[in-house]
Amino acid sequence: MDKSRITKLADEILEGRKAAKASTSNSTTTQYWIGIAGAPGSGKSTLVHDLVNELQSRSVTCVGVPMDGYHYSRAELDSFADPIAAHRFRGAPFTFNGSKFVEDLRMAKMEGKFSFPGFDHAAKDPAPDVHVLTAECQVVLVEGNYLLLDAAPWSSLCEESSSSSKIFDEMWYLKCNLDELKRRLAARHMEAWGWTMEQAMERIEDSDGKNMVTVETSAGNQRASKVLMSGEE
């Protein structure tokens, strides 16, 4: 997205935060949480990066938290009933510790601070304490493929629990054409792994493409409070 679109989205975030603060009786509530869902290659990480930079340029403290730190490790995948399939389809919903992800987000929302894992691409495994939420943080941007998946435990991200309110003040869905998603992901694989286009597309058709369809066709996408078209300026 171009600079003007990022500026407009940042304006909307701050307007939403202001309205949320005005509507609550808890004067200490300062954090505004936004979830950003979308298929692999839709541009979630880039969008969060650009929004964090824009908000920080306005002296708004914020943090981006990716879902990637909740991949099961390779050692954990080895312990699956079908480890070959677990490794082959790594990136599918069942290869993430979704329950832990939801639990940690709820804890972070209640406490106002948390230390989230990240993903070490060199080690190809999660790494602890990479993304740190502090009590001073004003805006929290959480991004991941399956935030709007219409299946447990992901669907609980948009629900109130018996002991707490919804995690997110807003939930965005970053939509993208399937052919464009494949093109972007193929380019990413070729750059990261030195693959040929044929190798990259074989991986996409075998695994990544299925995940794209899972995200793009989820009935849960209807729960999004804002739908953005990736690449639309």
C-alpha atoms as a PDB file:
ATOM      1  CA  MET A   1       0.000   0.000   0.000  1.00  0.00           C
ATOM      2  CA  ASP A   2       1.213   3.476  -0.767  1.00  0.00           C
ATOM      3  CA  LYS A   3       2.009   6.117   1.827  1.00  0.00           C
ATOM      4  CA  SER A   4      -1.350   7.864   1.561  1.00  0.00           C
ATOM      5  CA  ARG A   5      -3.239   4.636   2.280  1.00  0.00           C
ATOM      6  CA  ILE A   6      -1.046   3.873   5.310  1.00  0.00           C
ATOM      7  CA  THR A   7      -1.596   7.424   6.568  1.00  0.00           C
ATOM      8  CA  LYS A   8      -5.373   7.021   6.232  1.00  0.00           C
ATOM      9  CA  LEU A   9      -5.359   3.668   8.025  1.00  0.00           C
ATOM     10  CA  ALA A  10      -3.274   5.119  10.850  1.00  0.00           C
ATOM     11  CA  ASP A  11      -5.802   7.970  11.142  1.00  0.00           C
ATOM     12  CA  GLU A  12      -8.611   5.423  11.383  1.00  0.00           C
ATOM     13  CA  ILE A  13      -6.780   3.445  14.073  1.00  0.00           C
ATOM     14  CA  LEU A  14      -6.329   6.530  16.212  1.00  0.00           C
ATOM     15  CA  GLU A  15      -9.963   7.534  15.706  1.00  0.00           C
ATOM     16  CA  GLY A  16     -11.059   4.043  16.751  1.00  0.00           C
ATOM     17  CA  ARG A  17      -8.850   4.128  19.823  1.00  0.00           C
ATOM     18  CA  LYS A  18     -10.214   7.540  20.811  1.00  0.00           C
ATOM     19  CA  ALA A  19     -13.802   6.305  20.460  1.00  0.00           C
ATOM     20  CA  ALA A  20     -13.024   3.156  22.468  1.00  0.00           C
ATOM     21  CA  LYS A  21     -11.515   5.169  25.307  1.00  0.00           C
ATOM     22  CA  ALA A  22     -14.513   7.495  25.346  1.00  0.00           C
ATOM     23  CA  SER A  23     -16.975   4.596  25.557  1.00  0.00           C
ATOM     24  CA  THR A  24     -15.367   2.755  28.466  1.00  0.00           C
ATOM     25  CA  SER A  25     -15.702   3.526  32.140  1.00  0.00           C
ATOM     26  CA  ASN A  26     -12.176   2.221  32.748  1.00  0.00           C
ATOM     27  CA  SER A  27      -9.973   5.284  32.449  1.00  0.00           C
ATOM     28  CA  THR A  28      -6.830   3.130  32.602  1.00  0.00           C
ATOM     29  CA  THR A  29      -7.697   1.340  29.352  1.00  0.00           C
ATOM     30  CA  THR A  30      -5.129   2.606  26.893  1.00  0.00           C
ATOM     31  CA  GLN A  31      -4.298  -0.295  24.579  1.00  0.00           C
ATOM     32  CA  TYR A  32      -6.135  -0.684  21.286  1.00  0.00           C
ATOM     33  CA  TRP A  33      -5.903  -4.151  19.735  1.00  0.00           C
ATOM     34  CA  ILE A  34      -6.275  -4.881  16.024  1.00  0.00           C
ATOM     35  CA  GLY A  35      -6.076  -8.315  14.417  1.00  0.00           C
ATOM     36  CA  ILE A  36      -5.017  -8.526  10.786  1.00  0.00           C
ATOM     37  CA  ALA A  37      -5.875 -11.764   8.985  1.00  0.00           C
ATOM     38  CA  GLY A  38      -5.036 -12.817   5.459  1.00  0.00           C
ATOM     39  CA  ALA A  39      -3.635 -15.611   3.346  1.00  0.00           C
ATOM     40  CA  PRO A  40       0.096 -16.277   2.966  1.00  0.00           C
ATOM     41  CA  GLY A  41       1.482 -13.622   0.626  1.00  0.00           C
ATOM     42  CA  SER A  42      -1.327 -11.115   1.173  1.00  0.00           C
ATOM     43  CA  GLY A  43       1.042  -8.544   2.687  1.00  0.00           C
ATOM     44  CA  LYS A  44       0.145  -8.720   6.373  1.00  0.00           C
ATOM     45  CA  SER A  45       3.711  -8.358   7.661  1.00  0.00           C
ATOM     46  CA  THR A  46       4.445  -5.443   5.339  1.00  0.00           C
ATOM     47  CA  LEU A  47       1.230  -3.706   6.350  1.00  0.00           C
ATOM     48  CA  VAL A  48       2.003  -4.093  10.065  1.00  0.00           C
ATOM     49  CA  HIS A  49       5.575  -2.877   9.547  1.00  0.00           C
ATOM     50  CA  ASP A  50       4.382   0.228   7.701  1.00  0.00           C
ATOM     51  CA  LEU A  51       1.659   0.974  10.253  1.00  0.00           C
ATOM     52  CA  VAL A  52       4.064   0.612  13.184  1.00  0.00           C
ATOM     53  CA  ASN A  53       6.463   3.060  11.517  1.00  0.00           C
ATOM     54  CA  GLU A  54       3.667   5.515  10.755  1.00  0.00           C
ATOM     55  CA  LEU A  55       2.223   5.403  14.269  1.00  0.00           C
ATOM     56  CA  GLN A  56       5.621   5.698  15.899  1.00  0.00           C
ATOM     57  CA  SER A  57       6.325   8.752  13.750  1.00  0.00           C
ATOM     58  CA  ARG A  58       3.319  10.300  15.527  1.00  0.00           C
ATOM     59  CA  SER A  59       4.721   9.370  18.952  1.00  0.00           C
ATOM     60  CA  VAL A  60       2.214   6.536  19.341  1.00  0.00           C
ATOM     61  CA  THR A  61       3.780   3.514  21.041  1.00  0.00           C
ATOM     62  CA  CYS A  62       2.851   0.307  19.258  1.00  0.00           C
ATOM     63  CA  VAL A  63       4.007  -3.234  18.617  1.00  0.00           C
ATOM     64  CA  GLY A  64       3.443  -5.808  15.890  1.00  0.00           C
ATOM     65  CA  VAL A  65       2.909  -9.418  16.956  1.00  0.00           C
ATOM     66  CA  PRO A  66       3.020 -12.122  14.247  1.00  0.00           C
ATOM     67  CA  MET A  67       1.429 -15.545  14.666  1.00  0.00           C
ATOM     68  CA  ASP A  68       4.575 -17.211  13.263  1.00  0.00           C
ATOM     69  CA  GLY A  69       6.065 -17.750  16.710  1.00  0.00           C
ATOM     70  CA  TYR A  70       3.355 -20.335  17.352  1.00  0.00           C
ATOM     71  CA  HIS A  71       4.503 -22.810  14.716  1.00  0.00           C
ATOM     72  CA  TYR A  72       5.121 -26.163  16.326  1.00  0.00           C
ATOM     73  CA  SER A  73       8.872 -26.751  16.384  1.00  0.00           C
ATOM     74  CA  ARG A  74      10.394 -29.375  14.115  1.00  0.00           C
ATOM     75  CA  ALA A  75      10.966 -31.569  17.171  1.00  0.00           C
ATOM     76  CA  GLU A  76       7.279 -31.279  18.076  1.00  0.00           C
ATOM     77  CA  LEU A  77       6.261 -32.138  14.518  1.00  0.00           C
ATOM     78  CA  ASP A  78       8.415 -35.266  14.813  1.00  0.00           C
ATOM     79  CA  SER A  79       6.145 -36.429  17.631  1.00  0.00           C
ATOM     80  CA  PHE A  80       2.929 -36.123  15.581  1.00  0.00           C
ATOM     81  CA  ALA A  81       1.041 -39.278  14.643  1.00  0.00           C
ATOM     82  CA  ASP A  82       2.094 -38.655  11.024  1.00  0.00           C
ATOM     83  CA  PRO A  83       5.354 -36.666  11.225  1.00  0.00           C
ATOM     84  CA  ILE A  84       5.945 -36.869   7.484  1.00  0.00           C
ATOM     85  CA  ALA A  85       2.647 -35.124   6.764  1.00  0.00           C
ATOM     86  CA  ALA A  86       3.231 -32.659   9.624  1.00  0.00           C
ATOM     87  CA  HIS A  87       6.531 -31.515   8.102  1.00  0.00           C
ATOM     88  CA  ARG A  88       5.213 -31.629   4.547  1.00  0.00           C
ATOM     89  CA  PHE A  89       2.252 -29.404   5.358  1.00  0.00           C
ATOM     90  CA  ARG A  90       3.963 -27.123   7.860  1.00  0.00           C
ATOM     91  CA  GLY A  91       2.076 -23.850   7.721  1.00  0.00           C
ATOM     92  CA  ALA A  92      -1.365 -25.485   7.728  1.00  0.00           C
ATOM     93  CA  PRO A  93      -3.602 -24.712  10.725  1.00  0.00           C
ATOM     94  CA  PHE A  94      -2.855 -28.013  12.490  1.00  0.00           C
ATOM     95  CA  THR A  95       0.888 -27.247  12.505  1.00  0.00           C
ATOM     96  CA  PHE A  96       0.368 -24.220  14.751  1.00  0.00           C
ATOM     97  CA  ASN A  97      -0.243 -24.300  18.494  1.00  0.00           C
ATOM     98  CA  GLY A  98      -3.456 -22.366  18.102  1.00  0.00           C
ATOM     99  CA  SER A  99      -4.652 -22.971  21.661  1.00  0.00           C
ATOM    100  CA  LYS A 100      -1.453 -21.514  23.106  1.00  0.00           C
ATOM    101  CA  PHE A 101      -1.697 -18.564  20.736  1.00  0.00           C
ATOM    102  CA  VAL A 102      -5.238 -17.739  21.881  1.00  0.00           C
ATOM    103  CA  GLU A 103      -4.329 -18.281  25.540  1.00  0.00           C
ATOM    104  CA  ASP A 104      -1.306 -15.979  25.321  1.00  0.00           C
ATOM    105  CA  LEU A 105      -3.280 -13.252  23.568  1.00  0.00           C
ATOM    106  CA  ARG A 106      -5.968 -13.338  26.254  1.00  0.00           C
ATOM    107  CA  MET A 107      -3.340 -13.142  28.988  1.00  0.00           C
ATOM    108  CA  ALA A 108      -1.559 -10.270  27.232  1.00  0.00           C
ATOM    109  CA  LYS A 109      -4.827  -8.381  26.777  1.00  0.00           C
ATOM    110  CA  MET A 110      -5.680  -8.742  30.461  1.00  0.00           C
ATOM    111  CA  GLU A 111      -2.211  -7.940  31.795  1.00  0.00           C
ATOM    112  CA  GLY A 112      -1.308  -5.248  29.252  1.00  0.00           C
ATOM    113  CA  LYS A 113       2.170  -6.711  28.875  1.00  0.00           C
ATOM    114  CA  PHE A 114       3.659  -9.915  27.508  1.00  0.00           C
ATOM    115  CA  SER A 115       6.674 -11.429  25.783  1.00  0.00           C
ATOM    116  CA  PHE A 116       5.679 -13.251  22.591  1.00  0.00           C
ATOM    117  CA  PRO A 117       7.739 -15.769  20.631  1.00  0.00           C
ATOM    118  CA  GLY A 118       8.935 -15.062  17.122  1.00  0.00           C
ATOM    119  CA  PHE A 119      10.164 -17.295  14.326  1.00  0.00           C
ATOM    120  CA  ASP A 120      13.862 -17.782  13.619  1.00  0.00           C
ATOM    121  CA  HIS A 121      14.056 -18.404   9.872  1.00  0.00           C
ATOM    122  CA  ALA A 122      17.697 -19.473  10.087  1.00  0.00           C
ATOM    123  CA  ALA A 123      16.907 -22.109  12.708  1.00  0.00           C
ATOM    124  CA  LYS A 124      13.505 -22.814  11.087  1.00  0.00           C
ATOM    125  CA  ASP A 125      11.892 -22.866  14.518  1.00  0.00           C
ATOM    126  CA  PRO A 126      10.167 -20.528  16.985  1.00  0.00           C
ATOM    127  CA  ALA A 127      12.326 -18.415  19.305  1.00  0.00           C
ATOM    128  CA  PRO A 128      11.181 -17.114  22.718  1.00  0.00           C
ATOM    129  CA  ASP A 129      10.754 -13.494  23.812  1.00  0.00           C
ATOM    130  CA  VAL A 130      11.094 -11.800  20.425  1.00  0.00           C
ATOM    131  CA  HIS A 131       8.074  -9.463  20.388  1.00  0.00           C
ATOM    132  CA  VAL A 132       7.630  -7.577  23.659  1.00  0.00           C
ATOM    133  CA  LEU A 133       4.409  -5.846  24.651  1.00  0.00           C
ATOM    134  CA  THR A 134       4.930  -3.288  27.398  1.00  0.00           C
ATOM    135  CA  ALA A 135       2.352  -1.606  29.601  1.00  0.00           C
ATOM    136  CA  GLU A 136       3.127   1.700  27.862  1.00  0.00           C
ATOM    137  CA  CYS A 137       2.079   0.350  24.470  1.00  0.00           C
ATOM    138  CA  GLN A 138      -0.955   2.109  22.997  1.00  0.00           C
ATOM    139  CA  VAL A 139      -1.654   0.087  19.828  1.00  0.00           C
ATOM    140  CA  VAL A 140      -1.178  -3.668  19.365  1.00  0.00           C
ATOM    141  CA  LEU A 141      -1.240  -5.107  15.832  1.00  0.00           C
ATOM    142  CA  VAL A 142      -1.505  -8.911  15.687  1.00  0.00           C
ATOM    143  CA  GLU A 143      -1.187 -10.563  12.294  1.00  0.00           C
ATOM    144  CA  GLY A 144      -1.642 -14.131  11.133  1.00  0.00           C
ATOM    145  CA  ASN A 145      -3.145 -16.345   8.470  1.00  0.00           C
ATOM    146  CA  TYR A 146      -5.832 -17.921  10.600  1.00  0.00           C
ATOM    147  CA  LEU A 147      -7.170 -15.165  12.848  1.00  0.00           C
ATOM    148  CA  LEU A 148     -10.539 -15.389  11.081  1.00  0.00           C
ATOM    149  CA  LEU A 149     -10.628 -19.136  10.573  1.00  0.00           C
ATOM    150  CA  ASP A 150     -14.089 -20.496  11.335  1.00  0.00           C
ATOM    151  CA  ALA A 151     -12.858 -23.355  13.523  1.00  0.00           C
ATOM    152  CA  ALA A 152     -11.681 -23.812  17.090  1.00  0.00           C
ATOM    153  CA  PRO A 153      -9.567 -22.479  18.659  1.00  0.00           C
ATOM    154  CA  TRP A 154      -9.172 -19.640  16.123  1.00  0.00           C
ATOM    155  CA  SER A 155     -12.853 -18.686  16.112  1.00  0.00           C
ATOM    156  CA  SER A 156     -12.666 -17.800  19.819  1.00  0.00           C
ATOM    157  CA  LEU A 157     -10.450 -14.820  18.942  1.00  0.00           C
ATOM    158  CA  CYS A 158     -13.588 -12.912  17.982  1.00  0.00           C
ATOM    159  CA  GLU A 159     -15.655 -14.097  20.929  1.00  0.00           C
ATOM    160  CA  GLU A 160     -16.015 -12.961  24.511  1.00  0.00           C
ATOM    161  CA  SER A 161     -15.041 -15.519  27.136  1.00  0.00           C
ATOM    162  CA  SER A 162     -16.782 -16.022  30.463  1.00  0.00           C
ATOM    163  CA  SER A 163     -13.997 -14.118  32.219  1.00  0.00           C
ATOM    164  CA  SER A 164     -12.937 -11.492  29.689  1.00  0.00           C
ATOM    165  CA  SER A 165     -14.053  -9.345  26.775  1.00  0.00           C
ATOM    166  CA  LYS A 166     -13.071  -9.862  23.147  1.00  0.00           C
ATOM    167  CA  ILE A 167      -9.356  -9.702  22.466  1.00  0.00           C
ATOM    168  CA  PHE A 168      -9.589  -7.397  19.468  1.00  0.00           C
ATOM    169  CA  ASP A 169     -11.175  -3.979  19.185  1.00  0.00           C
ATOM    170  CA  GLU A 170     -11.045  -4.393  15.415  1.00  0.00           C
ATOM    171  CA  MET A 171     -10.423  -7.333  13.109  1.00  0.00           C
ATOM    172  CA  TRP A 172      -9.195  -6.628   9.590  1.00  0.00           C
ATOM    173  CA  TYR A 173      -9.131  -8.986   6.642  1.00  0.00           C
ATOM    174  CA  LEU A 174      -6.483  -8.401   3.971  1.00  0.00           C
ATOM    175  CA  LYS A 175      -7.904  -9.929   0.813  1.00  0.00           C
ATOM    176  CA  CYS A 176      -5.904 -10.775  -2.304  1.00  0.00           C
ATOM    177  CA  ASN A 177      -6.484 -12.485  -5.654  1.00  0.00           C
ATOM    178  CA  LEU A 178      -5.365 -16.143  -5.545  1.00  0.00           C
ATOM    179  CA  ASP A 179      -3.166 -15.879  -8.652  1.00  0.00           C
ATOM    180  CA  GLU A 180      -1.430 -12.828  -7.176  1.00  0.00           C
ATOM    181  CA  LEU A 181      -0.910 -14.667  -3.889  1.00  0.00           C
ATOM    182  CA  LYS A 182       0.771 -17.539  -5.730  1.00  0.00           C
ATOM    183  CA  ARG A 183       2.959 -15.158  -7.733  1.00  0.00           C
ATOM    184  CA  ARG A 184       4.141 -13.366  -4.599  1.00  0.00           C
ATOM    185  CA  LEU A 185       4.787 -16.562  -2.683  1.00  0.00           C
ATOM    186  CA  ALA A 186       6.676 -18.130  -5.591  1.00  0.00           C
ATOM    187  CA  ALA A 187       8.947 -15.082  -5.745  1.00  0.00           C
ATOM    188  CA  ARG A 188       9.488 -15.317  -1.974  1.00  0.00           C
ATOM    189  CA  HIS A 189      10.407 -19.016  -2.149  1.00  0.00           C
ATOM    190  CA  MET A 190      12.771 -18.472  -5.074  1.00  0.00           C
ATOM    191  CA  GLU A 191      14.593 -15.695  -3.231  1.00  0.00           C
ATOM    192  CA  ALA A 192      14.703 -17.459   0.133  1.00  0.00           C
ATOM    193  CA  TRP A 193      15.641 -20.955  -0.981  1.00  0.00           C
ATOM    194  CA  GLY A 194      17.201 -20.467  -4.402  1.00  0.00           C
ATOM    195  CA  TRP A 195      14.437 -22.536  -5.971  1.00  0.00           C
ATOM    196  CA  THR A 196      13.396 -22.500  -9.606  1.00  0.00           C
ATOM    197  CA  MET A 197       9.908 -21.313 -10.485  1.00  0.00           C
ATOM    198  CA  GLU A 198       8.932 -24.937 -11.057  1.00  0.00           C
ATOM    199  CA  GLN A 199      10.092 -25.941  -7.572  1.00  0.00           C
ATOM    200  CA  ALA A 200       8.346 -22.979  -5.984  1.00  0.00           C
ATOM    201  CA  MET A 201       5.056 -23.694  -7.735  1.00  0.00           C
ATOM    202  CA  GLU A 202       5.273 -27.385  -6.817  1.00  0.00           C
ATOM    203  CA  ARG A 203       5.484 -26.388  -3.139  1.00  0.00           C
ATOM    204  CA  ILE A 204       2.611 -23.928  -3.534  1.00  0.00           C
ATOM    205  CA  GLU A 205       0.304 -26.427  -5.238  1.00  0.00           C
ATOM    206  CA  ASP A 206       1.163 -29.134  -2.709  1.00  0.00           C
ATOM    207  CA  SER A 207       0.809 -27.087   0.490  1.00  0.00           C
ATOM    208  CA  ASP A 208       0.807 -23.279   0.465  1.00  0.00           C
ATOM    209  CA  GLY A 209      -1.947 -22.999  -2.111  1.00  0.00           C
ATOM    210  CA  LYS A 210      -4.246 -25.129   0.034  1.00  0.00           C
ATOM    211  CA  ASN A 211      -3.632 -22.785   2.977  1.00  0.00           C
ATOM    212  CA  MET A 212      -4.454 -19.804   0.782  1.00  0.00           C
ATOM    213  CA  VAL A 213      -7.786 -21.344  -0.165  1.00  0.00           C
ATOM    214  CA  THR A 214      -8.498 -22.222   3.482  1.00  0.00           C
ATOM    215  CA  VAL A 215      -8.068 -18.569   4.459  1.00  0.00           C
ATOM    216  CA  GLU A 216      -9.811 -17.021   1.459  1.00  0.00           C
ATOM    217  CA  THR A 217     -12.891 -19.251   1.747  1.00  0.00           C
ATOM    218  CA  SER A 218     -13.305 -19.155   5.542  1.00  0.00           C
ATOM    219  CA  ALA A 219     -16.828 -18.271   6.647  1.00  0.00           C
ATOM    220  CA  GLY A 220     -15.154 -16.468   9.529  1.00  0.00           C
ATOM    221  CA  ASN A 221     -14.087 -13.690   7.168  1.00  0.00           C
ATOM    222  CA  GLN A 222     -17.581 -12.285   7.630  1.00  0.00           C
ATOM    223  CA  ARG A 223     -16.563 -11.310  11.164  1.00  0.00           C
ATOM    224  CA  ALA A 224     -14.022  -8.799   9.858  1.00  0.00           C
ATOM    225  CA  SER A 225     -14.787  -5.210  10.802  1.00  0.00           C
ATOM    226  CA  LYS A 226     -12.692  -3.941   7.884  1.00  0.00           C
ATOM    227  CA  VAL A 227     -11.805  -5.595   4.557  1.00  0.00           C
ATOM    228  CA  LEU A 228      -8.792  -4.295   2.669  1.00  0.00           C
ATOM    229  CA  MET A 229      -7.845  -5.361  -0.846  1.00  0.00           C
ATOM    230  CA  SER A 230      -4.139  -6.063  -0.971  1.00  0.00           C
ATOM    231  CA  GLY A 231      -2.512  -3.856  -3.598  1.00  0.00           C
ATOM    232  CA  GLU A 232      -5.498  -1.498  -3.768  1.00  0.00           C
ATOM    233  CA  GLU A 233      -4.371   2.100  -3.446  1.00  0.00           C
END
